[in-house]
Amino acid sequence: MKSLDATALVVAKAPIAGFAKTRLTPPFSPCEAAQLAAAALLDTLAAVRHSGLRHRVVAWTGDLDLAEDAAELAAALAGFTLIPQRGDTFGQRLANAHHDAAELGVPVLQIGMDTPQAGPAVLTAGAARLLDSGDTVLGPATDGGWWALGLTDPAPARVLTEVPMSTSGTGERTRAALRECGCRVHRLPTLSDVDTVADAVVVAAEYHGRFPHTLARLRPKLPADKETATPAPHG
């Protein structure tokens, strides 16, 4: 895969039982929800590692020692530059992560840990679009948020501190705020992120990986009305 002089920035938190994917409980236990979060993060890190982005950074928060699958996560994170998340609000932490990752002097494509189906090809294409545009890319999420933000200059990331996060209008408000500060915002593909059990089933059906395998193992706990798709087998 072609190497691109860009940074993949993953904003992530330790998947600790009781603090990760709480909207998946019930039907899953806090421990099982954290296992799903860990699986999604492991798939995300693998996708970045196999993408064409030359630099890899994780903005991290939480105690890795308390996380589900801590040993596997530690091994996966060994190939990344870890920086601490800074800020009181999620928007502040995102903005600061962009500024910190930009110290490498190349464009930054930021993602989270809720779209594990965004594989190497998707990430590489997103970074290529960012480099070609010379400006900004934004990947909308089906719930009205966004799953990826790419910036060639970290300064516009300041708008994230003023946009309400985790709402159905977050994506459009982010786009509008970026445009207001002079960015030309180019659109990336729309993806589903994992917030609810229904989301998890949909996302797991879209690709092969650790997350679909983990959900399949836990599948008997799902109520019948959540059986809306068939997760792909592990591969």
C-alpha atoms as a PDB file:
ATOM      1  CA  MET A   1       0.000   0.000   0.000  1.00  0.00           C
ATOM      2  CA  LYS A   2       1.293   3.453  -0.927  1.00  0.00           C
ATOM      3  CA  SER A   3       2.926   5.307   1.967  1.00  0.00           C
ATOM      4  CA  LEU A   4       1.405   8.707   2.712  1.00  0.00           C
ATOM      5  CA  ASP A   5       3.147  11.423   4.708  1.00  0.00           C
ATOM      6  CA  ALA A   6       0.274  11.889   7.143  1.00  0.00           C
ATOM      7  CA  THR A   7      -0.525  11.020  10.740  1.00  0.00           C
ATOM      8  CA  ALA A   8      -3.285   8.668  11.831  1.00  0.00           C
ATOM      9  CA  LEU A   9      -4.552   9.923  15.186  1.00  0.00           C
ATOM     10  CA  VAL A  10      -6.703   7.527  17.208  1.00  0.00           C
ATOM     11  CA  VAL A  11      -8.523   9.078  20.165  1.00  0.00           C
ATOM     12  CA  ALA A  12      -9.134   6.232  22.599  1.00  0.00           C
ATOM     13  CA  LYS A  13      -9.817   5.372  26.213  1.00  0.00           C
ATOM     14  CA  ALA A  14      -9.054   2.258  28.199  1.00  0.00           C
ATOM     15  CA  PRO A  15     -11.920  -0.245  27.811  1.00  0.00           C
ATOM     16  CA  ILE A  16     -12.624  -0.720  31.507  1.00  0.00           C
ATOM     17  CA  ALA A  17     -15.726  -2.548  32.739  1.00  0.00           C
ATOM     18  CA  GLY A  18     -18.337  -0.072  33.927  1.00  0.00           C
ATOM     19  CA  PHE A  19     -16.801   2.817  31.986  1.00  0.00           C
ATOM     20  CA  ALA A  20     -16.760   1.560  28.383  1.00  0.00           C
ATOM     21  CA  LYS A  21     -19.744   1.133  26.073  1.00  0.00           C
ATOM     22  CA  THR A  22     -22.235   1.604  28.899  1.00  0.00           C
ATOM     23  CA  ARG A  23     -25.101   1.915  26.398  1.00  0.00           C
ATOM     24  CA  LEU A  24     -24.596  -1.764  25.596  1.00  0.00           C
ATOM     25  CA  THR A  25     -25.605  -2.712  29.157  1.00  0.00           C
ATOM     26  CA  PRO A  26     -28.013  -4.431  29.221  1.00  0.00           C
ATOM     27  CA  PRO A  27     -28.167  -6.898  27.516  1.00  0.00           C
ATOM     28  CA  PHE A  28     -24.420  -7.229  28.016  1.00  0.00           C
ATOM     29  CA  SER A  29     -22.664  -7.081  31.359  1.00  0.00           C
ATOM     30  CA  PRO A  30     -20.196  -4.221  31.993  1.00  0.00           C
ATOM     31  CA  CYS A  31     -17.347  -6.681  31.462  1.00  0.00           C
ATOM     32  CA  GLU A  32     -18.785  -7.897  28.154  1.00  0.00           C
ATOM     33  CA  ALA A  33     -19.374  -4.342  26.956  1.00  0.00           C
ATOM     34  CA  ALA A  34     -15.746  -3.552  27.745  1.00  0.00           C
ATOM     35  CA  GLN A  35     -14.679  -6.662  25.823  1.00  0.00           C
ATOM     36  CA  LEU A  36     -16.546  -5.334  22.797  1.00  0.00           C
ATOM     37  CA  ALA A  37     -14.877  -1.944  23.217  1.00  0.00           C
ATOM     38  CA  ALA A  38     -11.474  -3.619  23.428  1.00  0.00           C
ATOM     39  CA  ALA A  39     -12.206  -5.631  20.296  1.00  0.00           C
ATOM     40  CA  ALA A  40     -13.239  -2.503  18.400  1.00  0.00           C
ATOM     41  CA  LEU A  41     -10.061  -0.737  19.496  1.00  0.00           C
ATOM     42  CA  LEU A  42      -7.852  -3.676  18.540  1.00  0.00           C
ATOM     43  CA  ASP A  43      -9.425  -3.763  15.075  1.00  0.00           C
ATOM     44  CA  THR A  44      -8.975   0.001  14.746  1.00  0.00           C
ATOM     45  CA  LEU A  45      -5.303  -0.174  15.698  1.00  0.00           C
ATOM     46  CA  ALA A  46      -4.775  -3.029  13.239  1.00  0.00           C
ATOM     47  CA  ALA A  47      -6.440  -1.029  10.465  1.00  0.00           C
ATOM     48  CA  VAL A  48      -4.172   1.939  11.126  1.00  0.00           C
ATOM     49  CA  ARG A  49      -1.110  -0.282  11.301  1.00  0.00           C
ATOM     50  CA  HIS A  50      -1.886  -1.768   7.880  1.00  0.00           C
ATOM     51  CA  SER A  51      -2.904   1.537   6.291  1.00  0.00           C
ATOM     52  CA  GLY A  52      -0.679   3.737   4.178  1.00  0.00           C
ATOM     53  CA  LEU A  53      -0.388   6.485   6.797  1.00  0.00           C
ATOM     54  CA  ARG A  54       3.255   6.829   7.732  1.00  0.00           C
ATOM     55  CA  HIS A  55       2.824   8.138  11.289  1.00  0.00           C
ATOM     56  CA  ARG A  56       0.647   6.617  14.027  1.00  0.00           C
ATOM     57  CA  VAL A  57      -0.444   8.383  17.217  1.00  0.00           C
ATOM     58  CA  VAL A  58      -2.911   7.417  19.947  1.00  0.00           C
ATOM     59  CA  ALA A  59      -4.318  10.068  22.281  1.00  0.00           C
ATOM     60  CA  TRP A  60      -5.004   7.937  25.338  1.00  0.00           C
ATOM     61  CA  THR A  61      -6.879   8.219  28.589  1.00  0.00           C
ATOM     62  CA  GLY A  62      -7.518   5.656  31.319  1.00  0.00           C
ATOM     63  CA  ASP A  63      -5.557   2.953  33.107  1.00  0.00           C
ATOM     64  CA  LEU A  64      -4.472   0.313  30.607  1.00  0.00           C
ATOM     65  CA  ASP A  65      -3.745  -2.151  33.420  1.00  0.00           C
ATOM     66  CA  LEU A  66      -7.471  -2.188  34.306  1.00  0.00           C
ATOM     67  CA  ALA A  67      -8.646  -2.654  30.726  1.00  0.00           C
ATOM     68  CA  GLU A  68     -10.108  -5.771  29.172  1.00  0.00           C
ATOM     69  CA  ASP A  69      -7.528  -7.588  27.028  1.00  0.00           C
ATOM     70  CA  ALA A  70      -4.844  -5.346  28.507  1.00  0.00           C
ATOM     71  CA  ALA A  71      -1.914  -7.466  27.329  1.00  0.00           C
ATOM     72  CA  GLU A  72      -3.113  -7.537  23.717  1.00  0.00           C
ATOM     73  CA  LEU A  73      -3.806  -3.820  23.776  1.00  0.00           C
ATOM     74  CA  ALA A  74      -0.362  -3.084  25.183  1.00  0.00           C
ATOM     75  CA  ALA A  75       1.222  -5.117  22.394  1.00  0.00           C
ATOM     76  CA  ALA A  76      -0.866  -3.365  19.745  1.00  0.00           C
ATOM     77  CA  LEU A  77      -0.114   0.081  21.169  1.00  0.00           C
ATOM     78  CA  ALA A  78       3.621  -0.593  21.081  1.00  0.00           C
ATOM     79  CA  GLY A  79       3.678   0.444  17.431  1.00  0.00           C
ATOM     80  CA  PHE A  80       2.128   3.844  18.163  1.00  0.00           C
ATOM     81  CA  THR A  81       3.263   7.097  19.709  1.00  0.00           C
ATOM     82  CA  LEU A  82       1.116   7.567  22.821  1.00  0.00           C
ATOM     83  CA  ILE A  83       0.153  11.041  23.971  1.00  0.00           C
ATOM     84  CA  PRO A  84      -2.103  11.863  26.925  1.00  0.00           C
ATOM     85  CA  GLN A  85      -5.494  13.400  26.345  1.00  0.00           C
ATOM     86  CA  ARG A  86      -5.697  16.941  27.706  1.00  0.00           C
ATOM     87  CA  GLY A  87      -8.811  18.922  28.595  1.00  0.00           C
ATOM     88  CA  ASP A  88     -11.947  18.833  30.714  1.00  0.00           C
ATOM     89  CA  THR A  89     -14.482  18.265  27.926  1.00  0.00           C
ATOM     90  CA  PHE A  90     -14.460  15.848  25.014  1.00  0.00           C
ATOM     91  CA  GLY A  91     -14.239  18.744  22.579  1.00  0.00           C
ATOM     92  CA  GLN A  92     -11.200  20.123  24.384  1.00  0.00           C
ATOM     93  CA  ARG A  93      -9.522  16.726  24.360  1.00  0.00           C
ATOM     94  CA  LEU A  94     -10.122  16.359  20.626  1.00  0.00           C
ATOM     95  CA  ALA A  95      -8.784  19.825  19.849  1.00  0.00           C
ATOM     96  CA  ASN A  96      -5.706  19.326  22.006  1.00  0.00           C
ATOM     97  CA  ALA A  97      -5.045  15.921  20.462  1.00  0.00           C
ATOM     98  CA  HIS A  98      -5.026  17.491  16.993  1.00  0.00           C
ATOM     99  CA  HIS A  99      -2.546  20.130  18.125  1.00  0.00           C
ATOM    100  CA  ASP A 100      -0.293  17.585  19.827  1.00  0.00           C
ATOM    101  CA  ALA A 101      -0.326  15.157  16.894  1.00  0.00           C
ATOM    102  CA  ALA A 102       0.387  17.988  14.458  1.00  0.00           C
ATOM    103  CA  GLU A 103       3.790  18.529  16.052  1.00  0.00           C
ATOM    104  CA  LEU A 104       5.085  15.977  13.541  1.00  0.00           C
ATOM    105  CA  GLY A 105       4.497  18.636  10.890  1.00  0.00           C
ATOM    106  CA  VAL A 106       2.227  16.637   8.575  1.00  0.00           C
ATOM    107  CA  PRO A 107      -1.570  16.500   8.060  1.00  0.00           C
ATOM    108  CA  VAL A 108      -3.556  14.591  10.679  1.00  0.00           C
ATOM    109  CA  LEU A 109      -6.489  12.231  10.099  1.00  0.00           C
ATOM    110  CA  GLN A 110      -8.253  11.659  13.413  1.00  0.00           C
ATOM    111  CA  ILE A 111     -10.601   8.775  14.164  1.00  0.00           C
ATOM    112  CA  GLY A 112     -12.050   7.210  17.290  1.00  0.00           C
ATOM    113  CA  MET A 113     -12.514   3.603  18.387  1.00  0.00           C
ATOM    114  CA  ASP A 114     -16.201   3.243  17.444  1.00  0.00           C
ATOM    115  CA  THR A 115     -15.809   2.559  13.700  1.00  0.00           C
ATOM    116  CA  PRO A 116     -13.687  -0.595  13.582  1.00  0.00           C
ATOM    117  CA  GLN A 117     -15.056  -1.370  10.112  1.00  0.00           C
ATOM    118  CA  ALA A 118     -12.999   1.537   8.719  1.00  0.00           C
ATOM    119  CA  GLY A 119     -10.256  -0.689   7.384  1.00  0.00           C
ATOM    120  CA  PRO A 120      -6.837   0.128   5.932  1.00  0.00           C
ATOM    121  CA  ALA A 121      -8.188   1.014   2.486  1.00  0.00           C
ATOM    122  CA  VAL A 122     -10.790   3.402   3.926  1.00  0.00           C
ATOM    123  CA  LEU A 123      -8.221   5.147   6.108  1.00  0.00           C
ATOM    124  CA  THR A 124      -5.676   5.376   3.309  1.00  0.00           C
ATOM    125  CA  ALA A 125      -8.275   6.824   0.945  1.00  0.00           C
ATOM    126  CA  GLY A 126      -9.290   9.347   3.596  1.00  0.00           C
ATOM    127  CA  ALA A 127      -5.704  10.452   4.093  1.00  0.00           C
ATOM    128  CA  ALA A 128      -5.164  10.689   0.339  1.00  0.00           C
ATOM    129  CA  ARG A 129      -8.251  12.900   0.060  1.00  0.00           C
ATOM    130  CA  LEU A 130      -6.884  15.064   2.858  1.00  0.00           C
ATOM    131  CA  LEU A 131      -3.513  15.456   1.163  1.00  0.00           C
ATOM    132  CA  ASP A 132      -5.097  16.128  -2.230  1.00  0.00           C
ATOM    133  CA  SER A 133      -7.457  18.749  -0.806  1.00  0.00           C
ATOM    134  CA  GLY A 134      -4.766  20.542   1.135  1.00  0.00           C
ATOM    135  CA  ASP A 135      -7.438  21.499   3.640  1.00  0.00           C
ATOM    136  CA  THR A 136     -10.046  19.520   5.622  1.00  0.00           C
ATOM    137  CA  VAL A 137     -11.980  16.250   5.411  1.00  0.00           C
ATOM    138  CA  LEU A 138     -14.906  15.139   7.568  1.00  0.00           C
ATOM    139  CA  GLY A 139     -16.495  11.693   7.706  1.00  0.00           C
ATOM    140  CA  PRO A 140     -20.167  11.803   8.731  1.00  0.00           C
ATOM    141  CA  ALA A 141     -21.717   9.133  10.940  1.00  0.00           C
ATOM    142  CA  THR A 142     -25.193   7.728  10.416  1.00  0.00           C
ATOM    143  CA  ASP A 143     -26.311   8.977  13.832  1.00  0.00           C
ATOM    144  CA  GLY A 144     -25.605  12.593  12.902  1.00  0.00           C
ATOM    145  CA  GLY A 145     -22.121  12.763  14.385  1.00  0.00           C
ATOM    146  CA  TRP A 146     -18.816  12.223  12.616  1.00  0.00           C
ATOM    147  CA  TRP A 147     -16.236   9.451  12.654  1.00  0.00           C
ATOM    148  CA  ALA A 148     -13.197  11.107  11.062  1.00  0.00           C
ATOM    149  CA  LEU A 149     -11.720  14.596  10.902  1.00  0.00           C
ATOM    150  CA  GLY A 150      -8.660  15.387   8.845  1.00  0.00           C
ATOM    151  CA  LEU A 151      -6.822  18.700   9.076  1.00  0.00           C
ATOM    152  CA  THR A 152      -3.736  20.010   7.313  1.00  0.00           C
ATOM    153  CA  ASP A 153      -3.552  22.803   9.911  1.00  0.00           C
ATOM    154  CA  PRO A 154      -4.489  22.093  13.548  1.00  0.00           C
ATOM    155  CA  ALA A 155      -5.734  25.628  14.227  1.00  0.00           C
ATOM    156  CA  PRO A 156      -9.341  24.992  13.085  1.00  0.00           C
ATOM    157  CA  ALA A 157      -9.599  22.168  15.636  1.00  0.00           C
ATOM    158  CA  ARG A 158     -10.415  24.882  18.158  1.00  0.00           C
ATOM    159  CA  VAL A 159     -14.019  24.847  16.887  1.00  0.00           C
ATOM    160  CA  LEU A 160     -14.451  21.421  18.481  1.00  0.00           C
ATOM    161  CA  THR A 161     -14.415  23.045  21.910  1.00  0.00           C
ATOM    162  CA  GLU A 162     -17.631  24.902  21.066  1.00  0.00           C
ATOM    163  CA  VAL A 163     -19.596  22.234  19.185  1.00  0.00           C
ATOM    164  CA  PRO A 164     -21.916  20.086  21.352  1.00  0.00           C
ATOM    165  CA  MET A 165     -20.685  16.517  21.064  1.00  0.00           C
ATOM    166  CA  SER A 166     -22.661  13.259  20.921  1.00  0.00           C
ATOM    167  CA  THR A 167     -25.833  14.801  19.465  1.00  0.00           C
ATOM    168  CA  SER A 168     -27.704  14.186  16.225  1.00  0.00           C
ATOM    169  CA  GLY A 169     -26.504  17.581  15.012  1.00  0.00           C
ATOM    170  CA  THR A 170     -22.823  17.267  15.893  1.00  0.00           C
ATOM    171  CA  GLY A 171     -21.729  16.445  12.350  1.00  0.00           C
ATOM    172  CA  GLU A 172     -23.454  19.351  10.634  1.00  0.00           C
ATOM    173  CA  ARG A 173     -22.498  21.775  13.389  1.00  0.00           C
ATOM    174  CA  THR A 174     -18.881  20.708  13.099  1.00  0.00           C
ATOM    175  CA  ARG A 175     -18.970  21.147   9.323  1.00  0.00           C
ATOM    176  CA  ALA A 176     -20.551  24.593   9.650  1.00  0.00           C
ATOM    177  CA  ALA A 177     -18.069  25.695  12.316  1.00  0.00           C
ATOM    178  CA  LEU A 178     -15.121  24.585  10.188  1.00  0.00           C
ATOM    179  CA  ARG A 179     -16.485  26.464   7.187  1.00  0.00           C
ATOM    180  CA  GLU A 180     -17.005  29.578   9.284  1.00  0.00           C
ATOM    181  CA  CYS A 181     -13.317  29.626  10.150  1.00  0.00           C
ATOM    182  CA  GLY A 182     -12.339  29.366   6.484  1.00  0.00           C
ATOM    183  CA  CYS A 183     -11.964  25.627   5.901  1.00  0.00           C
ATOM    184  CA  ARG A 184     -13.000  23.929   2.680  1.00  0.00           C
ATOM    185  CA  VAL A 185     -14.549  20.752   4.046  1.00  0.00           C
ATOM    186  CA  HIS A 186     -14.436  17.662   1.835  1.00  0.00           C
ATOM    187  CA  ARG A 187     -16.737  14.767   2.647  1.00  0.00           C
ATOM    188  CA  LEU A 188     -15.575  11.238   3.427  1.00  0.00           C
ATOM    189  CA  PRO A 189     -17.896   8.185   3.285  1.00  0.00           C
ATOM    190  CA  THR A 190     -20.666   7.942   5.876  1.00  0.00           C
ATOM    191  CA  LEU A 191     -20.166   5.144   8.414  1.00  0.00           C
ATOM    192  CA  SER A 192     -22.091   3.735  11.366  1.00  0.00           C
ATOM    193  CA  ASP A 193     -20.422   3.926  14.744  1.00  0.00           C
ATOM    194  CA  VAL A 194     -20.987   1.608  17.673  1.00  0.00           C
ATOM    195  CA  ASP A 195     -23.119   3.311  20.299  1.00  0.00           C
ATOM    196  CA  THR A 196     -26.054   0.937  20.772  1.00  0.00           C
ATOM    197  CA  VAL A 197     -26.617  -2.808  20.496  1.00  0.00           C
ATOM    198  CA  ALA A 198     -28.354  -2.303  17.146  1.00  0.00           C
ATOM    199  CA  ASP A 199     -25.321  -0.335  15.933  1.00  0.00           C
ATOM    200  CA  ALA A 200     -23.021  -3.138  17.046  1.00  0.00           C
ATOM    201  CA  VAL A 201     -24.960  -5.703  15.021  1.00  0.00           C
ATOM    202  CA  VAL A 202     -24.902  -3.503  11.911  1.00  0.00           C
ATOM    203  CA  VAL A 203     -21.189  -2.718  12.161  1.00  0.00           C
ATOM    204  CA  ALA A 204     -20.233  -6.330  12.856  1.00  0.00           C
ATOM    205  CA  ALA A 205     -21.972  -7.393   9.647  1.00  0.00           C
ATOM    206  CA  GLU A 206     -19.815  -5.045   7.560  1.00  0.00           C
ATOM    207  CA  TYR A 207     -16.377  -6.626   7.931  1.00  0.00           C
ATOM    208  CA  HIS A 208     -14.280  -9.486   9.306  1.00  0.00           C
ATOM    209  CA  GLY A 209     -12.361  -8.912  12.510  1.00  0.00           C
ATOM    210  CA  ARG A 210     -12.071  -9.165  16.257  1.00  0.00           C
ATOM    211  CA  PHE A 211     -15.210  -7.129  16.949  1.00  0.00           C
ATOM    212  CA  PRO A 212     -17.571  -9.307  14.836  1.00  0.00           C
ATOM    213  CA  HIS A 213     -16.023 -12.414  16.389  1.00  0.00           C
ATOM    214  CA  THR A 214     -16.555 -11.074  19.915  1.00  0.00           C
ATOM    215  CA  LEU A 215     -20.142 -10.066  19.200  1.00  0.00           C
ATOM    216  CA  ALA A 216     -20.845 -13.489  17.691  1.00  0.00           C
ATOM    217  CA  ARG A 217     -19.564 -15.122  20.876  1.00  0.00           C
ATOM    218  CA  LEU A 218     -21.922 -12.961  22.938  1.00  0.00           C
ATOM    219  CA  ARG A 219     -24.812 -13.253  20.488  1.00  0.00           C
ATOM    220  CA  PRO A 220     -27.003 -15.528  22.650  1.00  0.00           C
ATOM    221  CA  LYS A 221     -27.497 -12.606  25.054  1.00  0.00           C
ATOM    222  CA  LEU A 222     -29.122 -10.418  22.403  1.00  0.00           C
ATOM    223  CA  PRO A 223     -32.911 -10.013  22.532  1.00  0.00           C
ATOM    224  CA  ALA A 224     -34.773 -11.093  19.401  1.00  0.00           C
ATOM    225  CA  ASP A 225     -35.556  -7.515  18.341  1.00  0.00           C
ATOM    226  CA  LYS A 226     -31.821  -6.755  18.072  1.00  0.00           C
ATOM    227  CA  GLU A 227     -31.209  -9.610  15.651  1.00  0.00           C
ATOM    228  CA  THR A 228     -31.239  -7.249  12.668  1.00  0.00           C
ATOM    229  CA  ALA A 229     -28.103  -8.458  10.906  1.00  0.00           C
ATOM    230  CA  THR A 230     -25.700 -11.348  10.913  1.00  0.00           C
ATOM    231  CA  PRO A 231     -22.172 -10.561  12.106  1.00  0.00           C
ATOM    232  CA  ALA A 232     -19.400 -11.598   9.762  1.00  0.00           C
ATOM    233  CA  PRO A 233     -17.210 -14.495  10.886  1.00  0.00           C
ATOM    234  CA  HIS A 234     -13.776 -13.883  12.314  1.00  0.00           C
ATOM    235  CA  GLY A 235     -11.060 -13.529   9.740  1.00  0.00           C
END
